[in-house]
Amino acid sequence: MDILHGLNAVPDTFGVPDGTVLTIGVFDGVHRGHQMLIKSAVEEAKRLQVPCVVMTFEPHPVAVFRPEAAPTALMPLEERARLIEELGVDALIVIDFREELAGESAQDYFDTVVMGTLHARHVFVGENFTFGRDASGTSQTMVQLGEQSGVDVTVVRLLKEGATRICSTAIRDELAQGNISVAKDYMGRPFSVVAPIERGAGRGGRELGYPTANQYVADISALPKDGVYAGWLTIIDDAPVGGDMIPGKRYPAAISVGTNPTFGDKRRSVESYVLDRDADLYDRMARVEFVAKVRDMMKFDSVDELLDYMARDVAHTRELLS
């Protein structure tokens, strides 16, 4: 999959002469609803024998217009791109809304993107899609503009789980409540954190006997509710790992999310104790997947009480992942 940053990076001959199939959205989380939309576009592109193009945005458009209301990100752009590529997309266009399209009317947006740069002959959008200055265009606006210009437009209905619409907002809400299994169902895969492993306070291995891989994410990134979870850790870069861990292989882990209230730490982190493994993971890039919740975060009166609970957490994690 080609990844192009900005419309100016798209060659003039792109999609010429046969056109493209295009879908547009932030696609944060690449959840089941996003997957359905993108797969529909991929199937149509195969039928027409033309490239399938996804246009996405970084940062989130809301962060440009109303920074105080900007949603937390379910995943970094690199993860979004990886998952979109796995769906069979040929090209990903990444738009910085601060530099492109934000001030254009719906008509100009259509003329610039659909008719102009990307030469789309079929556009797929979700029913809650908006575009143009002040989100003045809707999915039905796109349909009308397509009819006037000879471009097919398909509006894909939102996917629901019972009465709940599967959307990025719903996933963030479930994560905030610690409902990992529900978030997993909506996403079609476990929620994960991707970040480098950094040095922490050092007390996990030195004082407690549970060495952890510590990750710190930006404040704009979504995390589950503070607590202990069972999941998997995978080293996702290619450099060799010291010890007995292999890059690309998933390892069971007991995962703590929070600020370590027992020790009075202030910085929120993700700390993973990889079961039965000992490796130097500092500065490695890792993906941590959250599979099940073990318990809420607690503040303990003593280190001995903490150690007792940590032993229980590890045992419970083994059971959940076995």
Foldseek 3Di string as FASTA:
>chain_A
DAEAEDLVRFDQCAQPPQFEEEEEEQCQLVAPQVLVQLLVSQVVCVVSVHAYEYEHEPPDPCCVVPVVPAAFGLADPVVSVVVSVVSPHDYYYYYHCVVDQQAFAPLVCCCPPDVGRRRHQEYEYEQQDFGGHVSPRGLVNVCVSCVVVNHHYHYDYFDDDVPHTLDPVVLLVCQQVVVQVVNCNRRVHFRKYKFAFADDPPCCCVPQNQAWGKGADDPSHGGGAFAKFKWWKAQADQDDWAWDDDHPDIFIWIWGWQQQVQVPGDGTIIITRGPPTDIPRHRTIMMIGGDGGDTHDDHDPDSVVVSVVVVVSVVVSVVVVD
